[in-house]
Amino acid sequence: MARVTAIESPVLARVRELVQPIASDLGLDLWDVEQRGGILRISLDTPAGSERGVTLDELTLASRLMGRELDHHDPVPGSYTLEVTSPGVERTLRTPAHFQREIGKVVAIRLADVGHDERRITGTLIAADDTTATVAVDGPEGTVERAVAYDQIDRAKTVFEWGPAPKPGSGSRKKEKS
């Protein structure tokens, strides 16, 4: 996984430039563009604050339109497989914009400094700017705010919190009348 960064290769910047208008036309946000080996992955999301997620039909249409655009302009050298996806409920945070959009959510951060005492930080993301993310971390002495520079982050993602498990025997079955 690449460190958090706002720097993008010229190839990925060109891909972003070509697919951004398509995402916008479909009413979607371009979450990320990344290339690993022979896979070019484009992640799309619904606009911030939306109650719904990206549908399979939207991803299928986006894949067809983006594939056609990329074939026409051929910005990626060599062969590759195009993958158009959603970022998922536990989404990777790689750019300052990712962190800024996810304020208020629980995040898990792994620091790049292997020797650091607290290499892993989990808490609520309370602020993010162009250089740092601030996380509220619960500890034995209460909640502490921890500012982390993006260049110190090795990996970061949102953490999906499942609701409480249903109580045993409290299923949705109705009792039959005798």
N, C-alpha and C. Protein backbone atom coordinates (compact mmCIF):
# COMPACT_ATOMS: atom_id res chain seq x y z
N MET A 1 0.85 -1.17 0.00
CA MET A 1 0.00 0.00 0.00
C MET A 1 0.89 1.22 0.00
N ALA A 2 0.54 2.18 -0.81
CA ALA A 2 1.31 3.41 -0.88
C ALA A 2 1.00 4.30 0.31
N ARG A 3 1.96 5.08 0.69
CA ARG A 3 1.73 6.05 1.77
C ARG A 3 0.73 7.10 1.31
N VAL A 4 0.17 7.78 2.30
CA VAL A 4 -0.77 8.86 2.02
C VAL A 4 -0.01 9.94 1.26
N THR A 5 -0.57 10.36 0.15
CA THR A 5 0.11 11.34 -0.67
C THR A 5 -0.86 12.10 -1.56
N ALA A 6 -0.49 13.29 -1.91
CA ALA A 6 -1.28 14.06 -2.85
C ALA A 6 -0.60 14.07 -4.22
N ILE A 7 0.57 13.42 -4.32
CA ILE A 7 1.32 13.39 -5.57
C ILE A 7 0.87 12.18 -6.38
N GLU A 8 0.65 12.40 -7.67
CA GLU A 8 0.15 11.34 -8.54
C GLU A 8 1.02 11.29 -9.78
N SER A 9 1.24 10.09 -10.31
CA SER A 9 2.05 9.96 -11.52
C SER A 9 1.36 10.67 -12.69
N PRO A 10 2.13 11.08 -13.69
CA PRO A 10 1.52 11.73 -14.86
C PRO A 10 0.49 10.83 -15.56
N VAL A 11 0.74 9.53 -15.60
CA VAL A 11 -0.21 8.61 -16.24
C VAL A 11 -1.53 8.60 -15.48
N LEU A 12 -1.46 8.46 -14.15
CA LEU A 12 -2.69 8.42 -13.36
C LEU A 12 -3.39 9.78 -13.36
N ALA A 13 -2.63 10.86 -13.41
CA ALA A 13 -3.24 12.19 -13.50
C ALA A 13 -4.02 12.32 -14.81
N ARG A 14 -3.46 11.80 -15.89
CA ARG A 14 -4.15 11.85 -17.19
C ARG A 14 -5.40 10.97 -17.16
N VAL A 15 -5.31 9.79 -16.56
CA VAL A 15 -6.48 8.92 -16.45
C VAL A 15 -7.57 9.65 -15.65
N ARG A 16 -7.18 10.26 -14.53
CA ARG A 16 -8.13 11.01 -13.70
C ARG A 16 -8.81 12.11 -14.52
N GLU A 17 -8.01 12.82 -15.30
CA GLU A 17 -8.53 13.90 -16.16
C GLU A 17 -9.56 13.36 -17.16
N LEU A 18 -9.33 12.18 -17.70
CA LEU A 18 -10.23 11.60 -18.70
C LEU A 18 -11.52 11.04 -18.08
N VAL A 19 -11.43 10.45 -16.89
CA VAL A 19 -12.61 9.78 -16.32
C VAL A 19 -13.43 10.67 -15.39
N GLN A 20 -12.85 11.77 -14.89
CA GLN A 20 -13.57 12.67 -13.98
C GLN A 20 -14.89 13.17 -14.58
N PRO A 21 -14.89 13.67 -15.83
CA PRO A 21 -16.15 14.15 -16.41
C PRO A 21 -17.21 13.05 -16.53
N ILE A 22 -16.79 11.84 -16.78
CA ILE A 22 -17.74 10.73 -16.89
C ILE A 22 -18.38 10.45 -15.54
N ALA A 23 -17.56 10.41 -14.49
CA ALA A 23 -18.09 10.21 -13.13
C ALA A 23 -19.09 11.32 -12.80
N SER A 24 -18.72 12.56 -13.08
CA SER A 24 -19.61 13.69 -12.79
C SER A 24 -20.92 13.58 -13.55
N ASP A 25 -20.85 13.23 -14.82
CA ASP A 25 -22.07 13.08 -15.64
C ASP A 25 -23.00 12.01 -15.07
N LEU A 26 -22.42 11.00 -14.42
CA LEU A 26 -23.23 9.92 -13.83
C LEU A 26 -23.69 10.26 -12.41
N GLY A 27 -23.32 11.45 -11.92
CA GLY A 27 -23.71 11.87 -10.58
C GLY A 27 -22.90 11.17 -9.49
N LEU A 28 -21.67 10.78 -9.84
CA LEU A 28 -20.79 10.08 -8.90
C LEU A 28 -19.52 10.88 -8.65
N ASP A 29 -18.88 10.59 -7.54
CA ASP A 29 -17.59 11.21 -7.23
C ASP A 29 -16.47 10.23 -7.60
N LEU A 30 -15.41 10.76 -8.16
CA LEU A 30 -14.23 9.94 -8.43
C LEU A 30 -13.45 9.86 -7.12
N TRP A 31 -13.45 8.68 -6.49
CA TRP A 31 -12.79 8.50 -5.19
C TRP A 31 -11.29 8.34 -5.37
N ASP A 32 -10.88 7.46 -6.31
CA ASP A 32 -9.46 7.18 -6.44
C ASP A 32 -9.14 6.57 -7.80
N VAL A 33 -7.91 6.76 -8.23
CA VAL A 33 -7.36 6.12 -9.42
C VAL A 33 -6.02 5.56 -8.99
N GLU A 34 -5.84 4.25 -9.16
CA GLU A 34 -4.55 3.64 -8.79
C GLU A 34 -4.20 2.54 -9.78
N GLN A 35 -2.92 2.27 -9.88
CA GLN A 35 -2.44 1.21 -10.76
C GLN A 35 -1.46 0.35 -9.98
N ARG A 36 -1.75 -0.94 -10.00
CA ARG A 36 -0.85 -1.93 -9.38
C ARG A 36 -0.64 -3.03 -10.39
N GLY A 37 0.58 -3.15 -10.81
CA GLY A 37 0.88 -4.16 -11.82
C GLY A 37 0.05 -3.90 -13.07
N GLY A 38 -0.66 -4.91 -13.53
CA GLY A 38 -1.46 -4.79 -14.73
C GLY A 38 -2.91 -4.40 -14.48
N ILE A 39 -3.22 -3.89 -13.30
CA ILE A 39 -4.61 -3.51 -12.99
C ILE A 39 -4.70 -2.01 -12.79
N LEU A 40 -5.59 -1.37 -13.53
CA LEU A 40 -5.91 0.04 -13.37
C LEU A 40 -7.26 0.08 -12.66
N ARG A 41 -7.26 0.55 -11.41
CA ARG A 41 -8.48 0.55 -10.60
C ARG A 41 -9.00 1.97 -10.46
N ILE A 42 -10.26 2.15 -10.83
CA ILE A 42 -10.95 3.43 -10.67
C ILE A 42 -12.07 3.20 -9.66
N SER A 43 -12.03 3.95 -8.56
CA SER A 43 -13.05 3.80 -7.52
C SER A 43 -14.00 4.99 -7.57
N LEU A 44 -15.28 4.69 -7.59
CA LEU A 44 -16.33 5.70 -7.66
C LEU A 44 -17.19 5.63 -6.41
N ASP A 45 -17.70 6.78 -5.99
CA ASP A 45 -18.55 6.83 -4.81
C ASP A 45 -19.72 7.76 -5.08
N THR A 46 -20.74 7.65 -4.25
CA THR A 46 -21.84 8.60 -4.34
C THR A 46 -21.35 9.91 -3.72
N PRO A 47 -22.02 11.02 -4.01
CA PRO A 47 -21.59 12.30 -3.43
C PRO A 47 -21.58 12.26 -1.90
N ALA A 48 -20.72 13.04 -1.31
CA ALA A 48 -20.61 13.10 0.16
C ALA A 48 -21.98 13.39 0.76
N GLY A 49 -22.31 12.67 1.82
CA GLY A 49 -23.58 12.86 2.50
C GLY A 49 -24.74 12.07 1.92
N SER A 50 -24.48 11.35 0.84
CA SER A 50 -25.54 10.57 0.21
C SER A 50 -25.94 9.40 1.10
N GLU A 51 -27.21 9.08 1.12
CA GLU A 51 -27.73 7.98 1.93
C GLU A 51 -27.52 6.62 1.26
N ARG A 52 -27.26 6.62 -0.03
CA ARG A 52 -27.16 5.36 -0.77
C ARG A 52 -25.72 5.08 -1.19
N GLY A 53 -25.49 3.88 -1.66
CA GLY A 53 -24.19 3.51 -2.18
C GLY A 53 -24.24 3.45 -3.70
N VAL A 54 -23.11 3.18 -4.30
CA VAL A 54 -23.03 3.04 -5.75
C VAL A 54 -23.66 1.71 -6.13
N THR A 55 -24.47 1.71 -7.18
CA THR A 55 -25.13 0.48 -7.62
C THR A 55 -24.28 -0.26 -8.64
N LEU A 56 -24.56 -1.53 -8.80
CA LEU A 56 -23.87 -2.34 -9.80
C LEU A 56 -24.15 -1.81 -11.20
N ASP A 57 -25.37 -1.36 -11.46
CA ASP A 57 -25.69 -0.79 -12.77
C ASP A 57 -24.87 0.46 -13.06
N GLU A 58 -24.66 1.30 -12.04
CA GLU A 58 -23.85 2.50 -12.22
C GLU A 58 -22.39 2.13 -12.50
N LEU A 59 -21.89 1.14 -11.79
CA LEU A 59 -20.50 0.72 -12.02
C LEU A 59 -20.34 0.11 -13.41
N THR A 60 -21.33 -0.66 -13.85
CA THR A 60 -21.27 -1.27 -15.18
C THR A 60 -21.25 -0.22 -16.26
N LEU A 61 -22.14 0.77 -16.15
CA LEU A 61 -22.20 1.85 -17.13
C LEU A 61 -20.90 2.66 -17.10
N ALA A 62 -20.42 3.00 -15.92
CA ALA A 62 -19.18 3.76 -15.79
C ALA A 62 -18.02 2.99 -16.41
N SER A 63 -17.96 1.69 -16.17
CA SER A 63 -16.88 0.87 -16.71
C SER A 63 -16.89 0.90 -18.24
N ARG A 64 -18.07 0.78 -18.82
CA ARG A 64 -18.18 0.80 -20.28
C ARG A 64 -17.75 2.16 -20.84
N LEU A 65 -18.26 3.24 -20.25
CA LEU A 65 -17.94 4.58 -20.75
C LEU A 65 -16.48 4.94 -20.53
N MET A 66 -15.95 4.60 -19.36
CA MET A 66 -14.55 4.91 -19.07
C MET A 66 -13.61 4.06 -19.91
N GLY A 67 -13.96 2.79 -20.09
CA GLY A 67 -13.15 1.92 -20.94
C GLY A 67 -13.04 2.45 -22.35
N ARG A 68 -14.16 2.92 -22.89
CA ARG A 68 -14.19 3.48 -24.24
C ARG A 68 -13.31 4.73 -24.32
N GLU A 69 -13.40 5.60 -23.32
CA GLU A 69 -12.61 6.83 -23.29
C GLU A 69 -11.11 6.52 -23.18
N LEU A 70 -10.77 5.57 -22.32
CA LEU A 70 -9.35 5.21 -22.16
C LEU A 70 -8.81 4.52 -23.41
N ASP A 71 -9.62 3.70 -24.06
CA ASP A 71 -9.19 3.07 -25.32
C ASP A 71 -8.93 4.12 -26.39
N HIS A 72 -9.78 5.15 -26.42
CA HIS A 72 -9.64 6.20 -27.43
C HIS A 72 -8.37 7.02 -27.23
N HIS A 73 -8.05 7.38 -25.98
CA HIS A 73 -6.90 8.25 -25.70
C HIS A 73 -5.64 7.48 -25.35
N ASP A 74 -5.76 6.23 -24.94
CA ASP A 74 -4.64 5.34 -24.63
C ASP A 74 -3.57 5.98 -23.73
N PRO A 75 -3.95 6.45 -22.51
CA PRO A 75 -2.98 7.12 -21.64
C PRO A 75 -2.07 6.18 -20.86
N VAL A 76 -2.40 4.88 -20.84
CA VAL A 76 -1.64 3.93 -20.03
C VAL A 76 -0.76 3.09 -20.94
N PRO A 77 0.56 3.16 -20.75
CA PRO A 77 1.44 2.36 -21.59
C PRO A 77 1.28 0.87 -21.28
N GLY A 78 1.36 0.05 -22.31
CA GLY A 78 1.26 -1.40 -22.14
C GLY A 78 -0.18 -1.85 -21.94
N SER A 79 -0.32 -3.11 -21.65
CA SER A 79 -1.67 -3.65 -21.45
C SER A 79 -2.04 -3.59 -19.97
N TYR A 80 -3.32 -3.51 -19.69
CA TYR A 80 -3.82 -3.45 -18.32
C TYR A 80 -5.26 -3.94 -18.30
N THR A 81 -5.72 -4.26 -17.11
CA THR A 81 -7.11 -4.63 -16.90
C THR A 81 -7.77 -3.48 -16.16
N LEU A 82 -8.87 -2.98 -16.71
CA LEU A 82 -9.61 -1.89 -16.07
C LEU A 82 -10.57 -2.48 -15.06
N GLU A 83 -10.52 -1.93 -13.85
CA GLU A 83 -11.42 -2.36 -12.78
C GLU A 83 -12.11 -1.10 -12.25
N VAL A 84 -13.44 -1.03 -12.42
CA VAL A 84 -14.21 0.10 -11.90
C VAL A 84 -15.01 -0.44 -10.72
N THR A 85 -14.82 0.18 -9.56
CA THR A 85 -15.37 -0.35 -8.33
C THR A 85 -15.81 0.78 -7.40
N SER A 86 -16.41 0.42 -6.29
CA SER A 86 -16.69 1.40 -5.24
C SER A 86 -15.61 1.23 -4.18
N PRO A 87 -15.38 2.23 -3.34
CA PRO A 87 -14.33 2.09 -2.33
C PRO A 87 -14.72 1.16 -1.18
N GLY A 88 -15.98 0.79 -1.06
CA GLY A 88 -16.41 -0.13 -0.01
C GLY A 88 -16.67 0.58 1.30
N VAL A 89 -17.16 -0.18 2.29
CA VAL A 89 -17.48 0.43 3.58
C VAL A 89 -16.23 0.71 4.40
N GLU A 90 -15.22 -0.12 4.26
CA GLU A 90 -13.93 0.15 4.89
C GLU A 90 -12.99 0.60 3.78
N ARG A 91 -12.95 1.88 3.58
CA ARG A 91 -12.24 2.44 2.45
C ARG A 91 -10.83 2.92 2.80
N THR A 92 -9.94 2.70 1.88
CA THR A 92 -8.56 3.14 2.03
C THR A 92 -8.51 4.66 1.91
N LEU A 93 -7.76 5.28 2.79
CA LEU A 93 -7.57 6.73 2.77
C LEU A 93 -6.15 7.00 2.30
N ARG A 94 -6.01 7.60 1.12
CA ARG A 94 -4.68 7.83 0.56
C ARG A 94 -4.35 9.28 0.31
N THR A 95 -5.35 10.14 0.27
CA THR A 95 -5.10 11.55 -0.04
C THR A 95 -5.71 12.44 1.05
N PRO A 96 -5.25 13.68 1.16
CA PRO A 96 -5.89 14.60 2.11
C PRO A 96 -7.40 14.73 1.87
N ALA A 97 -7.81 14.72 0.60
CA ALA A 97 -9.25 14.82 0.29
C ALA A 97 -10.02 13.63 0.86
N HIS A 98 -9.44 12.44 0.83
CA HIS A 98 -10.08 11.26 1.42
C HIS A 98 -10.33 11.48 2.91
N PHE A 99 -9.29 11.95 3.61
CA PHE A 99 -9.43 12.19 5.05
C PHE A 99 -10.47 13.28 5.31
N GLN A 100 -10.44 14.35 4.54
CA GLN A 100 -11.37 15.46 4.75
C GLN A 100 -12.82 15.02 4.56
N ARG A 101 -13.05 14.12 3.63
CA ARG A 101 -14.42 13.64 3.37
C ARG A 101 -14.92 12.71 4.47
N GLU A 102 -14.03 12.04 5.18
CA GLU A 102 -14.43 11.03 6.16
C GLU A 102 -14.40 11.53 7.60
N ILE A 103 -14.34 12.85 7.81
CA ILE A 103 -14.37 13.41 9.16
C ILE A 103 -15.64 12.94 9.87
N GLY A 104 -15.47 12.53 11.12
CA GLY A 104 -16.59 12.03 11.92
C GLY A 104 -16.68 10.52 11.95
N LYS A 105 -15.88 9.86 11.12
CA LYS A 105 -15.89 8.39 11.07
C LYS A 105 -14.70 7.81 11.84
N VAL A 106 -14.84 6.55 12.21
CA VAL A 106 -13.75 5.86 12.89
C VAL A 106 -12.73 5.43 11.84
N VAL A 107 -11.45 5.69 12.14
CA VAL A 107 -10.36 5.32 11.22
C VAL A 107 -9.31 4.50 11.96
N ALA A 108 -8.62 3.68 11.18
CA ALA A 108 -7.48 2.92 11.70
C ALA A 108 -6.27 3.37 10.89
N ILE A 109 -5.24 3.79 11.59
CA ILE A 109 -4.02 4.30 10.95
C ILE A 109 -2.84 3.48 11.42
N ARG A 110 -1.99 3.09 10.46
CA ARG A 110 -0.72 2.45 10.80
C ARG A 110 0.38 3.40 10.39
N LEU A 111 1.24 3.74 11.35
CA LEU A 111 2.33 4.67 11.09
C LEU A 111 3.48 3.98 10.36
N ALA A 112 4.21 4.75 9.59
CA ALA A 112 5.34 4.21 8.83
C ALA A 112 6.53 3.91 9.72
N ASP A 113 6.68 4.62 10.84
CA ASP A 113 7.82 4.45 11.73
C ASP A 113 7.67 3.15 12.53
N VAL A 114 8.38 2.13 12.12
CA VAL A 114 8.28 0.81 12.75
C VAL A 114 8.69 0.86 14.21
N GLY A 115 9.59 1.73 14.59
CA GLY A 115 10.06 1.81 15.96
C GLY A 115 9.16 2.60 16.88
N HIS A 116 8.12 3.21 16.36
CA HIS A 116 7.24 4.05 17.17
C HIS A 116 6.47 3.20 18.18
N ASP A 117 6.37 3.69 19.41
CA ASP A 117 5.66 2.95 20.46
C ASP A 117 4.21 2.69 20.10
N GLU A 118 3.54 3.68 19.58
CA GLU A 118 2.14 3.54 19.20
C GLU A 118 2.06 3.53 17.68
N ARG A 119 2.37 2.39 17.08
CA ARG A 119 2.40 2.32 15.63
C ARG A 119 1.00 2.34 15.03
N ARG A 120 0.01 1.86 15.79
CA ARG A 120 -1.37 1.83 15.30
C ARG A 120 -2.24 2.78 16.11
N ILE A 121 -3.04 3.55 15.38
CA ILE A 121 -3.95 4.52 16.00
C ILE A 121 -5.35 4.23 15.47
N THR A 122 -6.30 4.07 16.38
CA THR A 122 -7.69 3.90 15.99
C THR A 122 -8.51 4.89 16.80
N GLY A 123 -9.35 5.63 16.10
CA GLY A 123 -10.20 6.60 16.77
C GLY A 123 -11.07 7.34 15.77
N THR A 124 -11.75 8.35 16.24
CA THR A 124 -12.64 9.13 15.38
C THR A 124 -11.86 10.27 14.73
N LEU A 125 -11.95 10.34 13.41
CA LEU A 125 -11.29 11.41 12.66
C LEU A 125 -12.07 12.70 12.92
N ILE A 126 -11.42 13.68 13.54
CA ILE A 126 -12.13 14.91 13.90
C ILE A 126 -11.72 16.11 13.07
N ALA A 127 -10.59 16.03 12.38
CA ALA A 127 -10.15 17.14 11.52
C ALA A 127 -9.13 16.62 10.52
N ALA A 128 -9.04 17.32 9.39
CA ALA A 128 -8.05 16.98 8.37
C ALA A 128 -7.81 18.21 7.51
N ASP A 129 -6.55 18.48 7.23
CA ASP A 129 -6.21 19.57 6.33
C ASP A 129 -5.27 19.02 5.26
N ASP A 130 -4.50 19.87 4.63
CA ASP A 130 -3.63 19.41 3.55
C ASP A 130 -2.38 18.69 4.02
N THR A 131 -2.05 18.76 5.35
CA THR A 131 -0.83 18.14 5.83
C THR A 131 -1.02 17.13 6.95
N THR A 132 -2.12 17.25 7.72
CA THR A 132 -2.32 16.36 8.88
C THR A 132 -3.77 15.94 9.04
N ALA A 133 -3.92 14.81 9.73
CA ALA A 133 -5.23 14.32 10.15
C ALA A 133 -5.21 14.29 11.67
N THR A 134 -6.33 14.68 12.29
CA THR A 134 -6.42 14.66 13.75
C THR A 134 -7.46 13.64 14.15
N VAL A 135 -7.05 12.74 15.05
CA VAL A 135 -7.90 11.63 15.48
C VAL A 135 -8.12 11.73 16.98
N ALA A 136 -9.38 11.57 17.41
CA ALA A 136 -9.71 11.52 18.84
C ALA A 136 -9.59 10.06 19.26
N VAL A 137 -8.65 9.78 20.15
CA VAL A 137 -8.36 8.41 20.57
C VAL A 137 -8.78 8.25 22.03
N ASP A 138 -9.60 7.24 22.31
CA ASP A 138 -9.99 6.95 23.70
C ASP A 138 -8.89 6.17 24.37
N GLY A 139 -8.51 6.60 25.55
CA GLY A 139 -7.46 5.92 26.31
C GLY A 139 -7.84 5.82 27.77
N PRO A 140 -6.96 5.26 28.58
CA PRO A 140 -7.26 5.07 30.00
C PRO A 140 -7.47 6.39 30.74
N GLU A 141 -6.91 7.46 30.22
CA GLU A 141 -7.04 8.77 30.87
C GLU A 141 -8.00 9.68 30.13
N GLY A 142 -8.91 9.09 29.34
CA GLY A 142 -9.89 9.88 28.60
C GLY A 142 -9.53 9.98 27.13
N THR A 143 -10.23 10.85 26.44
CA THR A 143 -10.02 11.04 25.01
C THR A 143 -8.89 12.04 24.77
N VAL A 144 -7.97 11.65 23.88
CA VAL A 144 -6.83 12.49 23.54
C VAL A 144 -6.86 12.74 22.04
N GLU A 145 -6.61 13.99 21.65
CA GLU A 145 -6.52 14.31 20.23
C GLU A 145 -5.10 14.07 19.75
N ARG A 146 -4.98 13.35 18.65
CA ARG A 146 -3.66 13.01 18.11
C ARG A 146 -3.56 13.49 16.68
N ALA A 147 -2.70 14.46 16.41
CA ALA A 147 -2.47 14.96 15.05
C ALA A 147 -1.36 14.13 14.42
N VAL A 148 -1.62 13.66 13.20
CA VAL A 148 -0.66 12.82 12.50
C VAL A 148 -0.41 13.41 11.11
N ALA A 149 0.85 13.68 10.81
CA ALA A 149 1.21 14.18 9.47
C ALA A 149 1.03 13.05 8.47
N TYR A 150 0.52 13.39 7.30
CA TYR A 150 0.29 12.36 6.28
C TYR A 150 1.57 11.61 5.92
N ASP A 151 2.71 12.30 5.93
CA ASP A 151 3.96 11.62 5.56
C ASP A 151 4.41 10.62 6.61
N GLN A 152 3.76 10.59 7.77
CA GLN A 152 4.05 9.58 8.80
C GLN A 152 3.14 8.35 8.68
N ILE A 153 2.15 8.42 7.80
CA ILE A 153 1.16 7.34 7.69
C ILE A 153 1.58 6.34 6.63
N ASP A 154 1.61 5.07 7.01
CA ASP A 154 1.88 3.99 6.07
C ASP A 154 0.56 3.55 5.43
N ARG A 155 -0.45 3.29 6.25
CA ARG A 155 -1.77 2.89 5.77
C ARG A 155 -2.84 3.51 6.63
N ALA A 156 -3.99 3.77 6.01
CA ALA A 156 -5.13 4.28 6.76
C ALA A 156 -6.41 3.83 6.07
N LYS A 157 -7.44 3.56 6.87
CA LYS A 157 -8.74 3.19 6.31
C LYS A 157 -9.83 3.53 7.31
N THR A 158 -11.05 3.64 6.79
CA THR A 158 -12.18 3.81 7.69
C THR A 158 -12.49 2.44 8.28
N VAL A 159 -13.15 2.45 9.44
CA VAL A 159 -13.51 1.20 10.11
C VAL A 159 -15.03 1.15 10.19
N PHE A 160 -15.62 0.13 9.61
CA PHE A 160 -17.07 -0.03 9.66
C PHE A 160 -17.44 -0.62 11.01
N GLU A 161 -18.36 0.04 11.69
CA GLU A 161 -18.79 -0.44 12.99
C GLU A 161 -20.15 -1.10 12.84
N TRP A 162 -20.18 -2.39 13.10
CA TRP A 162 -21.42 -3.14 13.02
C TRP A 162 -22.30 -2.76 14.18
N GLY A 163 -23.60 -2.78 13.95
CA GLY A 163 -24.55 -2.51 15.03
C GLY A 163 -24.55 -3.66 16.00
N PRO A 164 -25.28 -3.53 17.12
CA PRO A 164 -25.32 -4.61 18.09
C PRO A 164 -25.99 -5.85 17.50
N ALA A 165 -25.54 -7.00 17.96
CA ALA A 165 -26.12 -8.27 17.50
C ALA A 165 -27.54 -8.39 18.02
N PRO A 166 -28.43 -9.01 17.26
CA PRO A 166 -29.80 -9.18 17.76
C PRO A 166 -29.81 -10.09 18.98
N LYS A 167 -30.73 -9.83 19.87
CA LYS A 167 -30.84 -10.65 21.07
C LYS A 167 -31.34 -12.03 20.68
N PRO A 168 -30.82 -13.07 21.33
CA PRO A 168 -31.28 -14.42 21.01
C PRO A 168 -32.79 -14.53 21.22
N GLY A 169 -33.44 -15.13 20.25
CA GLY A 169 -34.89 -15.36 20.36
C GLY A 169 -35.72 -14.15 20.01
N SER A 170 -35.11 -13.05 19.57
CA SER A 170 -35.90 -11.85 19.25
C SER A 170 -36.00 -11.67 17.75
N GLY A 171 -36.17 -12.78 17.05
CA GLY A 171 -36.30 -12.72 15.59
C GLY A 171 -37.55 -12.00 15.18
N SER A 172 -37.76 -11.86 13.89
CA SER A 172 -38.90 -11.11 13.40
C SER A 172 -40.13 -12.00 13.19
N ARG A 173 -40.06 -13.26 13.63
CA ARG A 173 -41.21 -14.15 13.46
C ARG A 173 -42.34 -13.73 14.40
N LYS A 174 -43.55 -13.78 13.86
CA LYS A 174 -44.71 -13.49 14.68
C LYS A 174 -45.16 -14.77 15.36
N LYS A 175 -45.64 -14.62 16.57
CA LYS A 175 -46.14 -15.80 17.29
C LYS A 175 -47.47 -16.18 16.68
N GLU A 176 -47.64 -17.48 16.51
CA GLU A 176 -48.90 -17.98 15.97
C GLU A 176 -49.96 -18.02 17.05
N LYS A 177 -51.20 -17.69 16.66
CA LYS A 177 -52.32 -17.77 17.60
C LYS A 177 -52.78 -19.21 17.67
N SER A 178 -53.16 -19.64 18.87
CA SER A 178 -53.63 -21.01 19.03
C SER A 178 -55.09 -21.12 18.77
